[in-house]
C-alpha atoms as a PDB file:
ATOM      1  CA  MET A   1     -13.873  -2.682 -19.843  1.00  0.00           C
ATOM      2  CA  ALA A   2     -14.662  -4.873 -16.801  1.00  0.00           C
ATOM      3  CA  LEU A   3     -13.984  -3.544 -13.359  1.00  0.00           C
ATOM      4  CA  ARG A   4     -10.965  -5.028 -11.658  1.00  0.00           C
ATOM      5  CA  TYR A   5     -11.737  -7.147  -8.640  1.00  0.00           C
ATOM      6  CA  TYR A   6      -9.410  -6.812  -5.678  1.00  0.00           C
ATOM      7  CA  GLN A   7      -9.585  -8.726  -2.431  1.00  0.00           C
ATOM      8  CA  GLY A   8      -7.581  -8.315   0.735  1.00  0.00           C
ATOM      9  CA  THR A   9      -6.547 -11.028   3.154  1.00  0.00           C
ATOM     10  CA  VAL A  10      -8.240  -9.357   6.132  1.00  0.00           C
ATOM     11  CA  VAL A  11     -11.982  -8.980   5.669  1.00  0.00           C
ATOM     12  CA  GLY A  12     -13.039  -8.322   9.262  1.00  0.00           C
ATOM     13  CA  GLN A  13     -15.943  -9.554  11.354  1.00  0.00           C
ATOM     14  CA  GLY A  14     -18.794  -7.738   9.632  1.00  0.00           C
ATOM     15  CA  ASN A  15     -22.115  -8.278  11.374  1.00  0.00           C
ATOM     16  CA  LYS A  16     -20.426 -10.711  13.771  1.00  0.00           C
ATOM     17  CA  LEU A  17     -18.394  -7.901  15.328  1.00  0.00           C
ATOM     18  CA  ASP A  18     -18.380  -7.956  19.138  1.00  0.00           C
ATOM     19  CA  THR A  19     -16.102  -5.164  20.302  1.00  0.00           C
ATOM     20  CA  GLU A  20     -16.570  -5.945  24.003  1.00  0.00           C
ATOM     21  CA  ALA A  21     -15.550  -9.593  23.535  1.00  0.00           C
ATOM     22  CA  ALA A  22     -12.474  -8.496  21.568  1.00  0.00           C
ATOM     23  CA  ALA A  23     -11.570  -5.891  24.197  1.00  0.00           C
ATOM     24  CA  LYS A  24     -11.948  -8.423  27.003  1.00  0.00           C
ATOM     25  CA  LYS A  25      -9.788 -10.905  25.124  1.00  0.00           C
ATOM     26  CA  LEU A  26      -7.037  -8.334  24.681  1.00  0.00           C
ATOM     27  CA  ARG A  27      -7.176  -7.233  28.323  1.00  0.00           C
ATOM     28  CA  LYS A  28      -7.024 -10.837  29.542  1.00  0.00           C
ATOM     29  CA  ALA A  29      -4.052 -11.453  27.229  1.00  0.00           C
ATOM     30  CA  MET A  30      -2.063  -8.640  28.860  1.00  0.00           C
ATOM     31  CA  LYS A  31      -3.269  -8.799  32.465  1.00  0.00           C
ATOM     32  CA  GLY A  32      -1.056 -10.198  35.205  1.00  0.00           C
ATOM     33  CA  LEU A  33       2.161 -12.129  34.702  1.00  0.00           C
ATOM     34  CA  GLY A  34       3.003 -13.161  31.179  1.00  0.00           C
ATOM     35  CA  THR A  35       1.374 -12.246  27.894  1.00  0.00           C
ATOM     36  CA  ASP A  36      -0.911 -14.312  25.682  1.00  0.00           C
ATOM     37  CA  GLU A  37       0.584 -13.356  22.327  1.00  0.00           C
ATOM     38  CA  LYS A  38      -1.632 -15.822  20.489  1.00  0.00           C
ATOM     39  CA  ALA A  39      -4.786 -14.029  21.641  1.00  0.00           C
ATOM     40  CA  ILE A  40      -3.391 -10.639  20.602  1.00  0.00           C
ATOM     41  CA  ILE A  41      -2.497 -11.995  17.172  1.00  0.00           C
ATOM     42  CA  GLU A  42      -5.959 -13.486  16.756  1.00  0.00           C
ATOM     43  CA  VAL A  43      -7.767 -10.228  17.502  1.00  0.00           C
ATOM     44  CA  LEU A  44      -5.484  -7.986  15.441  1.00  0.00           C
ATOM     45  CA  SER A  45      -5.514 -10.281  12.401  1.00  0.00           C
ATOM     46  CA  THR A  46      -9.253 -10.951  12.247  1.00  0.00           C
ATOM     47  CA  HIS A  47     -10.593  -7.400  12.575  1.00  0.00           C
ATOM     48  CA  SER A  48     -10.589  -4.719   9.895  1.00  0.00           C
ATOM     49  CA  ASN A  49      -8.967  -1.378  10.603  1.00  0.00           C
ATOM     50  CA  SER A  50     -12.303   0.349  11.172  1.00  0.00           C
ATOM     51  CA  GLU A  51     -13.316  -2.459  13.555  1.00  0.00           C
ATOM     52  CA  ILE A  52     -10.050  -2.121  15.463  1.00  0.00           C
ATOM     53  CA  GLN A  53     -10.819   1.570  16.019  1.00  0.00           C
ATOM     54  CA  GLN A  54     -14.095   0.513  17.638  1.00  0.00           C
ATOM     55  CA  VAL A  55     -12.314  -2.117  19.739  1.00  0.00           C
ATOM     56  CA  LYS A  56      -9.861   0.564  20.932  1.00  0.00           C
ATOM     57  CA  ASP A  57     -12.757   2.757  22.060  1.00  0.00           C
ATOM     58  CA  THR A  58     -14.493  -0.135  23.814  1.00  0.00           C
ATOM     59  CA  TYR A  59     -11.226  -1.145  25.519  1.00  0.00           C
ATOM     60  CA  LYS A  60     -10.840   2.341  26.951  1.00  0.00           C
ATOM     61  CA  THR A  61     -14.493   2.500  27.988  1.00  0.00           C
ATOM     62  CA  CYS A  62     -14.453  -0.899  29.695  1.00  0.00           C
ATOM     63  CA  PHE A  63     -11.072  -0.701  31.412  1.00  0.00           C
ATOM     64  CA  GLY A  64     -10.058   2.965  31.499  1.00  0.00           C
ATOM     65  CA  ARG A  65      -6.842   2.062  29.723  1.00  0.00           C
ATOM     66  CA  VAL A  66      -5.300   2.880  26.337  1.00  0.00           C
ATOM     67  CA  LEU A  67      -4.835  -0.238  24.228  1.00  0.00           C
ATOM     68  CA  GLY A  68      -1.730   1.091  22.468  1.00  0.00           C
ATOM     69  CA  GLU A  69      -0.026   1.869  25.771  1.00  0.00           C
ATOM     70  CA  ASP A  70      -0.731  -1.612  27.119  1.00  0.00           C
ATOM     71  CA  ILE A  71       0.680  -3.183  23.949  1.00  0.00           C
ATOM     72  CA  MET A  72       3.844  -1.069  24.285  1.00  0.00           C
ATOM     73  CA  ASP A  73       4.216  -2.292  27.883  1.00  0.00           C
ATOM     74  CA  GLU A  74       3.707  -5.960  27.017  1.00  0.00           C
ATOM     75  CA  LEU A  75       5.317  -6.481  23.616  1.00  0.00           C
ATOM     76  CA  SER A  76       8.687  -5.639  22.062  1.00  0.00           C
ATOM     77  CA  GLY A  77      10.616  -5.522  18.803  1.00  0.00           C
ATOM     78  CA  HIS A  78       9.012  -5.875  15.391  1.00  0.00           C
ATOM     79  CA  PHE A  79       6.003  -7.650  16.926  1.00  0.00           C
ATOM     80  CA  GLU A  80       5.260  -4.582  19.045  1.00  0.00           C
ATOM     81  CA  LYS A  81       5.769  -2.194  16.127  1.00  0.00           C
ATOM     82  CA  LEU A  82       3.538  -4.157  13.751  1.00  0.00           C
ATOM     83  CA  SER A  83       0.817  -4.420  16.399  1.00  0.00           C
ATOM     84  CA  LEU A  84       0.908  -0.656  16.961  1.00  0.00           C
ATOM     85  CA  TYR A  85       0.787  -0.030  13.196  1.00  0.00           C
ATOM     86  CA  LEU A  86      -2.412  -2.075  13.002  1.00  0.00           C
ATOM     87  CA  LEU A  87      -4.003   0.105  15.693  1.00  0.00           C
ATOM     88  CA  LEU A  88      -3.566   3.324  13.714  1.00  0.00           C
ATOM     89  CA  PRO A  89      -6.407   4.501  11.457  1.00  0.00           C
ATOM     90  CA  ARG A  90      -5.188   3.629   7.981  1.00  0.00           C
ATOM     91  CA  THR A  91      -4.710   7.178   6.647  1.00  0.00           C
ATOM     92  CA  HIS A  92      -2.910   8.111   9.879  1.00  0.00           C
ATOM     93  CA  PHE A  93      -0.629   5.126   9.370  1.00  0.00           C
ATOM     94  CA  GLN A  94       0.221   6.297   5.861  1.00  0.00           C
ATOM     95  CA  ALA A  95       0.826   9.811   7.179  1.00  0.00           C
ATOM     96  CA  TYR A  96       3.081   8.313   9.865  1.00  0.00           C
ATOM     97  CA  CYS A  97       5.053   6.382   7.213  1.00  0.00           C
ATOM     98  CA  LEU A  98       5.597   9.561   5.199  1.00  0.00           C
ATOM     99  CA  HIS A  99       6.674  11.528   8.271  1.00  0.00           C
ATOM    100  CA  GLN A 100       9.024   8.755   9.339  1.00  0.00           C
ATOM    101  CA  ALA A 101      10.516   8.689   5.828  1.00  0.00           C
ATOM    102  CA  MET A 102      11.536  12.342   6.226  1.00  0.00           C
ATOM    103  CA  GLU A 103      12.410  12.394   9.921  1.00  0.00           C
ATOM    104  CA  GLY A 104      16.029  12.764  11.005  1.00  0.00           C
ATOM    105  CA  LEU A 105      19.055  12.567   8.735  1.00  0.00           C
ATOM    106  CA  GLY A 106      18.461  11.262   5.245  1.00  0.00           C
ATOM    107  CA  THR A 107      15.231  10.525   3.423  1.00  0.00           C
ATOM    108  CA  ASN A 108      13.589   7.197   2.676  1.00  0.00           C
ATOM    109  CA  GLU A 109      12.649   7.940  -0.933  1.00  0.00           C
ATOM    110  CA  THR A 110      11.305   4.416  -1.444  1.00  0.00           C
ATOM    111  CA  ALA A 111       8.609   4.890   1.212  1.00  0.00           C
ATOM    112  CA  LEU A 112       7.598   8.254  -0.242  1.00  0.00           C
ATOM    113  CA  ILE A 113       7.348   6.767  -3.732  1.00  0.00           C
ATOM    114  CA  GLU A 114       5.463   3.593  -2.813  1.00  0.00           C
ATOM    115  CA  ILE A 115       2.775   5.525  -0.958  1.00  0.00           C
ATOM    116  CA  LEU A 116       2.358   8.780  -2.882  1.00  0.00           C
ATOM    117  CA  CYS A 117       2.914   7.566  -6.452  1.00  0.00           C
ATOM    118  CA  THR A 118       0.189   4.926  -6.102  1.00  0.00           C
ATOM    119  CA  CYS A 119      -2.592   6.956  -4.444  1.00  0.00           C
ATOM    120  CA  ASN A 120      -5.656   8.399  -6.121  1.00  0.00           C
ATOM    121  CA  ASN A 121      -6.875  11.970  -5.521  1.00  0.00           C
ATOM    122  CA  ARG A 122      -9.226  11.070  -2.683  1.00  0.00           C
ATOM    123  CA  GLU A 123      -6.501   9.105  -0.882  1.00  0.00           C
ATOM    124  CA  ILE A 124      -4.019  11.960  -1.288  1.00  0.00           C
ATOM    125  CA  GLU A 125      -6.419  14.424   0.297  1.00  0.00           C
ATOM    126  CA  ALA A 126      -7.172  12.057   3.189  1.00  0.00           C
ATOM    127  CA  ILE A 127      -3.457  11.518   3.856  1.00  0.00           C
ATOM    128  CA  LYS A 128      -2.776  15.272   3.787  1.00  0.00           C
ATOM    129  CA  GLU A 129      -5.535  15.850   6.348  1.00  0.00           C
ATOM    130  CA  ALA A 130      -4.286  13.031   8.588  1.00  0.00           C
ATOM    131  CA  TYR A 131      -0.702  14.325   8.309  1.00  0.00           C
ATOM    132  CA  LYS A 132      -1.752  17.813   9.374  1.00  0.00           C
ATOM    133  CA  GLU A 133      -3.876  16.492  12.222  1.00  0.00           C
ATOM    134  CA  ARG A 134      -1.184  14.156  13.533  1.00  0.00           C
ATOM    135  CA  PHE A 135       1.973  16.215  13.047  1.00  0.00           C
ATOM    136  CA  LYS A 136       0.617  19.810  12.981  1.00  0.00           C
ATOM    137  CA  SER A 137       2.536  20.294   9.758  1.00  0.00           C
ATOM    138  CA  ASP A 138       1.843  20.592   6.039  1.00  0.00           C
ATOM    139  CA  LEU A 139       2.828  17.523   3.994  1.00  0.00           C
ATOM    140  CA  GLU A 140       3.682  19.485   0.868  1.00  0.00           C
ATOM    141  CA  LYS A 141       5.961  21.877   2.759  1.00  0.00           C
ATOM    142  CA  ASP A 142       7.725  18.999   4.490  1.00  0.00           C
ATOM    143  CA  LEU A 143       8.277  17.254   1.152  1.00  0.00           C
ATOM    144  CA  GLU A 144       9.687  20.457  -0.320  1.00  0.00           C
ATOM    145  CA  GLY A 145      12.064  20.804   2.603  1.00  0.00           C
ATOM    146  CA  ASP A 146      13.282  17.217   2.520  1.00  0.00           C
ATOM    147  CA  THR A 147      13.659  16.547  -1.212  1.00  0.00           C
ATOM    148  CA  SER A 148      15.177  18.409  -4.137  1.00  0.00           C
ATOM    149  CA  GLY A 149      15.337  18.793  -7.899  1.00  0.00           C
ATOM    150  CA  HIS A 150      13.077  16.908 -10.286  1.00  0.00           C
ATOM    151  CA  PHE A 151      12.156  14.368  -7.597  1.00  0.00           C
ATOM    152  CA  ARG A 152      10.725  17.131  -5.422  1.00  0.00           C
ATOM    153  CA  ARG A 153       8.700  18.433  -8.388  1.00  0.00           C
ATOM    154  CA  VAL A 154       7.188  14.985  -8.968  1.00  0.00           C
ATOM    155  CA  LEU A 155       6.085  14.673  -5.344  1.00  0.00           C
ATOM    156  CA  VAL A 156       4.741  18.216  -5.182  1.00  0.00           C
ATOM    157  CA  SER A 157       2.735  17.569  -8.351  1.00  0.00           C
ATOM    158  CA  ILE A 158       1.292  14.362  -6.923  1.00  0.00           C
ATOM    159  CA  VAL A 159       0.229  15.823  -3.569  1.00  0.00           C
ATOM    160  CA  GLN A 160      -1.911  18.408  -5.335  1.00  0.00           C
ATOM    161  CA  GLY A 161      -4.356  15.540  -5.792  1.00  0.00           C
ATOM    162  CA  ASN A 162      -5.359  16.827  -9.217  1.00  0.00           C
ATOM    163  CA  ARG A 163      -4.815  13.824 -11.477  1.00  0.00           C
ATOM    164  CA  SER A 164      -7.503  13.664 -14.155  1.00  0.00           C
ATOM    165  CA  GLU A 165     -10.208  11.093 -13.414  1.00  0.00           C
ATOM    166  CA  GLU A 166     -11.619  11.176 -16.940  1.00  0.00           C
ATOM    167  CA  GLN A 167     -12.447   7.660 -18.110  1.00  0.00           C
ATOM    168  CA  THR A 168     -12.971   8.501 -21.776  1.00  0.00           C
ATOM    169  CA  ILE A 169      -9.856   8.170 -23.933  1.00  0.00           C
ATOM    170  CA  ASP A 170      -9.101  10.658 -26.724  1.00  0.00           C
ATOM    171  CA  PRO A 171      -6.989   8.789 -29.342  1.00  0.00           C
ATOM    172  CA  ASP A 172      -5.527  12.008 -30.735  1.00  0.00           C
ATOM    173  CA  GLU A 173      -4.426  13.164 -27.278  1.00  0.00           C
ATOM    174  CA  VAL A 174      -2.966   9.705 -26.614  1.00  0.00           C
ATOM    175  CA  LYS A 175      -0.805   9.888 -29.759  1.00  0.00           C
ATOM    176  CA  LYS A 176       0.209  13.452 -28.939  1.00  0.00           C
ATOM    177  CA  ASN A 177       1.363  12.534 -25.407  1.00  0.00           C
ATOM    178  CA  ALA A 178       3.245   9.445 -26.611  1.00  0.00           C
ATOM    179  CA  LYS A 179       5.130  11.548 -29.170  1.00  0.00           C
ATOM    180  CA  GLU A 180       5.868  14.191 -26.511  1.00  0.00           C
ATOM    181  CA  LEU A 181       7.373  11.562 -24.221  1.00  0.00           C
ATOM    182  CA  LYS A 182       9.553  10.184 -26.995  1.00  0.00           C
ATOM    183  CA  LYS A 183      10.700  13.649 -28.010  1.00  0.00           C
ATOM    184  CA  ALA A 184      11.512  14.530 -24.392  1.00  0.00           C
ATOM    185  CA  GLY A 185      13.551  11.361 -23.916  1.00  0.00           C
ATOM    186  CA  VAL A 186      15.163   9.264 -26.598  1.00  0.00           C
ATOM    187  CA  LYS A 187      15.005  11.979 -29.253  1.00  0.00           C
ATOM    188  CA  LYS A 188      16.659  14.607 -27.091  1.00  0.00           C
ATOM    189  CA  VAL A 189      20.210  15.188 -25.891  1.00  0.00           C
ATOM    190  CA  GLY A 190      19.502  15.089 -22.192  1.00  0.00           C
ATOM    191  CA  THR A 191      16.007  14.418 -20.902  1.00  0.00           C
ATOM    192  CA  ASP A 192      13.206  16.936 -20.444  1.00  0.00           C
ATOM    193  CA  GLU A 193      11.852  15.645 -17.124  1.00  0.00           C
ATOM    194  CA  SER A 194       9.198  18.367 -17.049  1.00  0.00           C
ATOM    195  CA  VAL A 195       7.354  16.712 -19.948  1.00  0.00           C
ATOM    196  CA  PHE A 196       7.351  13.358 -18.140  1.00  0.00           C
ATOM    197  CA  ASN A 197       6.229  15.139 -14.978  1.00  0.00           C
ATOM    198  CA  ARG A 198       3.329  16.908 -16.727  1.00  0.00           C
ATOM    199  CA  ILE A 199       2.009  13.788 -18.411  1.00  0.00           C
ATOM    200  CA  LEU A 200       2.683  11.102 -15.799  1.00  0.00           C
ATOM    201  CA  CYS A 201       1.437  13.175 -12.854  1.00  0.00           C
ATOM    202  CA  THR A 202      -1.709  14.691 -14.371  1.00  0.00           C
ATOM    203  CA  ARG A 203      -3.217  12.312 -16.934  1.00  0.00           C
ATOM    204  CA  SER A 204      -5.855   9.750 -15.958  1.00  0.00           C
ATOM    205  CA  ILE A 205      -4.999   6.082 -15.452  1.00  0.00           C
ATOM    206  CA  PRO A 206      -6.918   4.862 -18.553  1.00  0.00           C
ATOM    207  CA  HIS A 207      -5.304   7.610 -20.645  1.00  0.00           C
ATOM    208  CA  LEU A 208      -1.805   6.690 -19.457  1.00  0.00           C
ATOM    209  CA  GLN A 209      -2.408   3.011 -20.153  1.00  0.00           C
ATOM    210  CA  ALA A 210      -3.289   3.940 -23.731  1.00  0.00           C
ATOM    211  CA  VAL A 211      -0.270   6.273 -23.977  1.00  0.00           C
ATOM    212  CA  PHE A 212       2.090   3.498 -22.860  1.00  0.00           C
ATOM    213  CA  GLU A 213       0.651   1.139 -25.484  1.00  0.00           C
ATOM    214  CA  GLU A 214       1.073   3.824 -28.153  1.00  0.00           C
ATOM    215  CA  TYR A 215       4.622   4.523 -26.969  1.00  0.00           C
ATOM    216  CA  ILE A 216       5.664   0.944 -27.698  1.00  0.00           C
ATOM    217  CA  LYS A 217       4.358   1.313 -31.264  1.00  0.00           C
ATOM    218  CA  ILE A 218       6.338   4.471 -32.009  1.00  0.00           C
ATOM    219  CA  ASP A 219       9.536   3.730 -30.091  1.00  0.00           C
ATOM    220  CA  GLY A 220       9.765  -0.062 -30.131  1.00  0.00           C
ATOM    221  CA  GLN A 221      10.389  -0.242 -26.391  1.00  0.00           C
ATOM    222  CA  ASP A 222       8.321  -0.106 -23.236  1.00  0.00           C
ATOM    223  CA  ILE A 223       8.037   3.256 -21.453  1.00  0.00           C
ATOM    224  CA  THR A 224       9.770   1.766 -18.395  1.00  0.00           C
ATOM    225  CA  GLU A 225      12.813   0.860 -20.501  1.00  0.00           C
ATOM    226  CA  ALA A 226      12.927   4.419 -21.831  1.00  0.00           C
ATOM    227  CA  ILE A 227      12.773   5.831 -18.300  1.00  0.00           C
ATOM    228  CA  LYS A 228      15.537   3.485 -17.121  1.00  0.00           C
ATOM    229  CA  SER A 229      17.824   4.462 -19.989  1.00  0.00           C
ATOM    230  CA  GLU A 230      17.178   8.213 -19.861  1.00  0.00           C
ATOM    231  CA  MET A 231      17.017   8.996 -16.127  1.00  0.00           C
ATOM    232  CA  SER A 232      18.696   8.174 -12.842  1.00  0.00           C
ATOM    233  CA  GLY A 233      18.207   8.484  -9.109  1.00  0.00           C
ATOM    234  CA  SER A 234      14.982   9.106  -7.246  1.00  0.00           C
ATOM    235  CA  VAL A 235      13.193  10.850 -10.117  1.00  0.00           C
ATOM    236  CA  ARG A 236      13.737   7.748 -12.238  1.00  0.00           C
ATOM    237  CA  ASP A 237      12.370   5.560  -9.436  1.00  0.00           C
ATOM    238  CA  ALA A 238       9.304   7.801  -9.064  1.00  0.00           C
ATOM    239  CA  PHE A 239       8.467   7.797 -12.775  1.00  0.00           C
ATOM    240  CA  LEU A 240       9.075   4.048 -12.939  1.00  0.00           C
ATOM    241  CA  ALA A 241       6.716   3.500 -10.010  1.00  0.00           C
ATOM    242  CA  ILE A 242       3.968   5.515 -11.701  1.00  0.00           C
ATOM    243  CA  ALA A 243       4.462   3.719 -15.029  1.00  0.00           C
ATOM    244  CA  ARG A 244       4.580   0.260 -13.469  1.00  0.00           C
ATOM    245  CA  TYR A 245       1.631   0.914 -11.161  1.00  0.00           C
ATOM    246  CA  VAL A 246      -0.484   2.246 -14.029  1.00  0.00           C
ATOM    247  CA  SER A 247       0.416  -0.736 -16.224  1.00  0.00           C
ATOM    248  CA  ASP A 248      -0.073  -3.472 -13.604  1.00  0.00           C
ATOM    249  CA  PRO A 249      -0.534  -2.495  -9.935  1.00  0.00           C
ATOM    250  CA  LEU A 250      -0.511  -6.075  -8.652  1.00  0.00           C
ATOM    251  CA  ASP A 251       2.748  -6.911 -10.408  1.00  0.00           C
ATOM    252  CA  TYR A 252       4.267  -3.661  -9.136  1.00  0.00           C
ATOM    253  CA  PHE A 253       3.419  -4.396  -5.503  1.00  0.00           C
ATOM    254  CA  ALA A 254       4.448  -8.055  -5.808  1.00  0.00           C
ATOM    255  CA  GLU A 255       7.906  -6.793  -6.776  1.00  0.00           C
ATOM    256  CA  CYS A 256       7.878  -4.344  -3.847  1.00  0.00           C
ATOM    257  CA  PHE A 257       7.271  -7.268  -1.486  1.00  0.00           C
ATOM    258  CA  TYR A 258      10.033  -9.271  -3.149  1.00  0.00           C
ATOM    259  CA  ASN A 259      12.506  -6.393  -2.888  1.00  0.00           C
ATOM    260  CA  SER A 260      11.739  -5.970   0.817  1.00  0.00           C
ATOM    261  CA  MET A 261      13.005  -9.503   1.446  1.00  0.00           C
ATOM    262  CA  LYS A 262      15.634 -10.173  -1.216  1.00  0.00           C
ATOM    263  CA  GLY A 263      19.328 -10.406  -0.460  1.00  0.00           C
ATOM    264  CA  ALA A 264      20.965 -10.491   2.946  1.00  0.00           C
ATOM    265  CA  GLY A 265      18.607  -9.293   5.647  1.00  0.00           C
ATOM    266  CA  THR A 266      15.011  -8.082   5.469  1.00  0.00           C
ATOM    267  CA  ASP A 267      13.781  -4.519   5.176  1.00  0.00           C
ATOM    268  CA  ASP A 268      11.265  -5.075   7.977  1.00  0.00           C
ATOM    269  CA  GLU A 269       9.975  -1.515   7.951  1.00  0.00           C
ATOM    270  CA  ARG A 270       9.139  -1.719   4.248  1.00  0.00           C
ATOM    271  CA  LEU A 271       7.628  -5.185   4.669  1.00  0.00           C
ATOM    272  CA  MET A 272       5.395  -4.067   7.550  1.00  0.00           C
ATOM    273  CA  GLN A 273       4.246  -0.991   5.651  1.00  0.00           C
ATOM    274  CA  LEU A 274       3.339  -3.065   2.616  1.00  0.00           C
ATOM    275  CA  VAL A 275       1.407  -5.643   4.647  1.00  0.00           C
ATOM    276  CA  VAL A 276      -0.520  -3.071   6.691  1.00  0.00           C
ATOM    277  CA  ASN A 277      -1.353  -0.921   3.666  1.00  0.00           C
ATOM    278  CA  HIS A 278      -2.546  -3.828   1.513  1.00  0.00           C
ATOM    279  CA  CYS A 279      -3.972  -6.524   3.799  1.00  0.00           C
ATOM    280  CA  GLU A 280      -7.518  -5.157   3.508  1.00  0.00           C
ATOM    281  CA  VAL A 281      -7.307  -3.920  -0.070  1.00  0.00           C
ATOM    282  CA  ASP A 282      -5.632  -6.260  -2.541  1.00  0.00           C
ATOM    283  CA  LEU A 283      -3.139  -8.506  -0.752  1.00  0.00           C
ATOM    284  CA  LYS A 284      -4.825 -11.748  -1.814  1.00  0.00           C
ATOM    285  CA  ASP A 285      -4.452 -10.697  -5.448  1.00  0.00           C
ATOM    286  CA  ILE A 286      -0.877  -9.508  -4.911  1.00  0.00           C
ATOM    287  CA  ALA A 287      -0.043 -12.869  -3.307  1.00  0.00           C
ATOM    288  CA  GLU A 288      -1.405 -14.727  -6.349  1.00  0.00           C
ATOM    289  CA  VAL A 289       0.762 -12.629  -8.681  1.00  0.00           C
ATOM    290  CA  TYR A 290       3.753 -13.094  -6.334  1.00  0.00           C
ATOM    291  CA  LEU A 291       3.385 -16.879  -6.550  1.00  0.00           C
ATOM    292  CA  LYS A 292       3.296 -16.840 -10.357  1.00  0.00           C
ATOM    293  CA  LYS A 293       6.168 -14.370 -10.630  1.00  0.00           C
ATOM    294  CA  TYR A 294       8.577 -15.835  -8.057  1.00  0.00           C
ATOM    295  CA  LYS A 295       7.410 -19.476  -7.842  1.00  0.00           C
ATOM    296  CA  LYS A 296       7.031 -19.153  -4.089  1.00  0.00           C
ATOM    297  CA  GLY A 297       4.064 -18.224  -1.916  1.00  0.00           C
ATOM    298  CA  LEU A 298       4.188 -14.786  -0.297  1.00  0.00           C
ATOM    299  CA  SER A 299       3.298 -16.170   3.135  1.00  0.00           C
ATOM    300  CA  ARG A 300       6.061 -18.774   2.810  1.00  0.00           C
ATOM    301  CA  ALA A 301       8.577 -16.123   1.742  1.00  0.00           C
ATOM    302  CA  ILE A 302       7.655 -14.035   4.781  1.00  0.00           C
ATOM    303  CA  GLN A 303       7.903 -17.046   7.104  1.00  0.00           C
ATOM    304  CA  ASP A 304      11.360 -17.831   5.764  1.00  0.00           C
ATOM    305  CA  ASP A 305      12.557 -14.267   6.331  1.00  0.00           C
ATOM    306  CA  THR A 306      11.084 -13.493   9.769  1.00  0.00           C
ATOM    307  CA  SER A 307      10.752 -15.152  13.161  1.00  0.00           C
ATOM    308  CA  GLY A 308       8.828 -15.382  16.421  1.00  0.00           C
ATOM    309  CA  ASP A 309       5.479 -13.759  17.123  1.00  0.00           C
ATOM    310  CA  TYR A 310       6.278 -11.121  14.512  1.00  0.00           C
ATOM    311  CA  ARG A 311       6.334 -13.878  11.899  1.00  0.00           C
ATOM    312  CA  LYS A 312       3.104 -15.379  13.245  1.00  0.00           C
ATOM    313  CA  LEU A 313       1.243 -12.067  12.996  1.00  0.00           C
ATOM    314  CA  LEU A 314       2.566 -11.366   9.492  1.00  0.00           C
ATOM    315  CA  THR A 315       1.578 -14.863   8.404  1.00  0.00           C
ATOM    316  CA  ARG A 316      -1.958 -14.450   9.722  1.00  0.00           C
ATOM    317  CA  LEU A 317      -2.291 -11.080   8.005  1.00  0.00           C
ATOM    318  CA  THR A 318      -1.127 -12.423   4.642  1.00  0.00           C
ATOM    319  CA  ASN A 319      -2.953 -15.750   4.513  1.00  0.00           C
ATOM    320  CA  LEU A 320      -6.687 -15.465   3.857  1.00  0.00           C
ATOM    321  CA  SER A 321      -7.443 -19.185   4.113  1.00  0.00           C
ATOM    322  CA  VAL A 322      -5.966 -19.543   7.600  1.00  0.00           C
ATOM    323  CA  ILE A 323      -8.250 -17.213   9.472  1.00  0.00           C
ATOM    324  CA  GLN A 324     -10.929 -15.525   7.427  1.00  0.00           C
ATOM    325  CA  PRO A 325     -14.653 -16.296   7.226  1.00  0.00           C
ATOM    326  CA  ALA A 326     -16.515 -16.733   3.949  1.00  0.00           C
ATOM    327  CA  ILE A 327     -16.384 -13.676   1.685  1.00  0.00           C
ATOM    328  CA  ASP A 328     -19.098 -11.063   2.185  1.00  0.00           C
ATOM    329  CA  PRO A 329     -19.715  -9.128  -1.076  1.00  0.00           C
ATOM    330  CA  ALA A 330     -20.243  -5.910   0.903  1.00  0.00           C
ATOM    331  CA  MET A 331     -16.626  -6.095   2.075  1.00  0.00           C
ATOM    332  CA  LEU A 332     -15.045  -6.381  -1.367  1.00  0.00           C
ATOM    333  CA  THR A 333     -13.107  -3.399  -2.650  1.00  0.00           C
ATOM    334  CA  VAL A 334     -13.902  -3.078  -6.363  1.00  0.00           C
ATOM    335  CA  VAL A 335     -16.071  -5.845  -7.660  1.00  0.00           C
ATOM    336  CA  ASP A 336     -16.218  -7.642 -10.960  1.00  0.00           C
ATOM    337  CA  LEU A 337     -19.492  -9.526 -10.475  1.00  0.00           C
ATOM    338  CA  ASP A 338     -18.482 -12.679 -12.347  1.00  0.00           C
ATOM    339  CA  GLN A 339     -15.257 -13.052 -10.345  1.00  0.00           C
ATOM    340  CA  ALA A 340     -17.019 -12.271  -7.083  1.00  0.00           C
ATOM    341  CA  LYS A 341     -19.551 -15.018  -7.769  1.00  0.00           C
ATOM    342  CA  GLN A 342     -16.759 -17.505  -8.430  1.00  0.00           C
ATOM    343  CA  GLN A 343     -15.099 -16.576  -5.130  1.00  0.00           C
ATOM    344  CA  LEU A 344     -18.387 -16.952  -3.219  1.00  0.00           C
ATOM    345  CA  ASP A 345     -19.143 -20.322  -4.828  1.00  0.00           C
ATOM    346  CA  GLY A 346     -15.675 -21.516  -3.870  1.00  0.00           C
ATOM    347  CA  ALA A 347     -16.114 -20.335  -0.270  1.00  0.00           C
ATOM    348  CA  LYS A 348     -19.466 -22.120   0.048  1.00  0.00           C
ATOM    349  CA  SER A 349     -18.109 -25.429  -1.220  1.00  0.00           C
ATOM    350  CA  SER A 350     -15.081 -25.419   1.083  1.00  0.00           C
END
């Protein structure tokens, strides 16, 4: 089975990185009367997250000032918020999103699901550490205090970071798990969520993919249709997210982007979180799926739903061809060599 190839829309400066030049550009953009928003957008959209951390350090060293504080003084609204999100180390940003989802009255279950249900073990551990460092609190305990019932059990299971990473598939175990899921759902009066929890939260991705294929054979319907018909509320949304992410992560996130902008008004918080979390990982691939699925480019959809400098920054972050240099293989996430070669050949000829 070939490795999947994912490419973000922000690939950074690589060996061309000049943190002092970037810091000077940012300081000049915010010094004196008026603000050069274009310069700020250019720096933030052409540097990777790790490079931005270096630029922040250089900015403080050169000018004795905190970059985030200067941005808060100079910018406002969604443009300010998105700029500040880009300054956070990525795992700290994800920890911030989770904390924000539980802060105050009510809980943003969608944010919890979209982050936690799509992370691997290593990412879960990194987020837990960042959460503890930033908020002096334990993520699992906060989740337990802010959620309830079967939904809470799903999240608690996930944050253990113990999903199997076994790549070998046991056909007998696959058939067994598919039958267990059917028995716990469509063949039962009421649904045994604990069976879904045990299988969906602990089995490896390749194993679950095989289980979902087997499930169609024995039940005649997709596992997502079974979940929709048998469950409701946040636990249904969590299990659906896991099933859809396992089956096709790019399609899942394309729909997340679409849902953040559909209908009257835009869920700007969700949109910003999606862009920041994916711009360096797989946003180019998500955008390609989005175009096929909704017959409209992701960058165009974002432009139509936002405005001002906020729109300009989002557009730069989501459009690889506008701002990025030729692809460096060392910056790719997971590489399928044949696809990577095709991308490089295309970049050289353009």
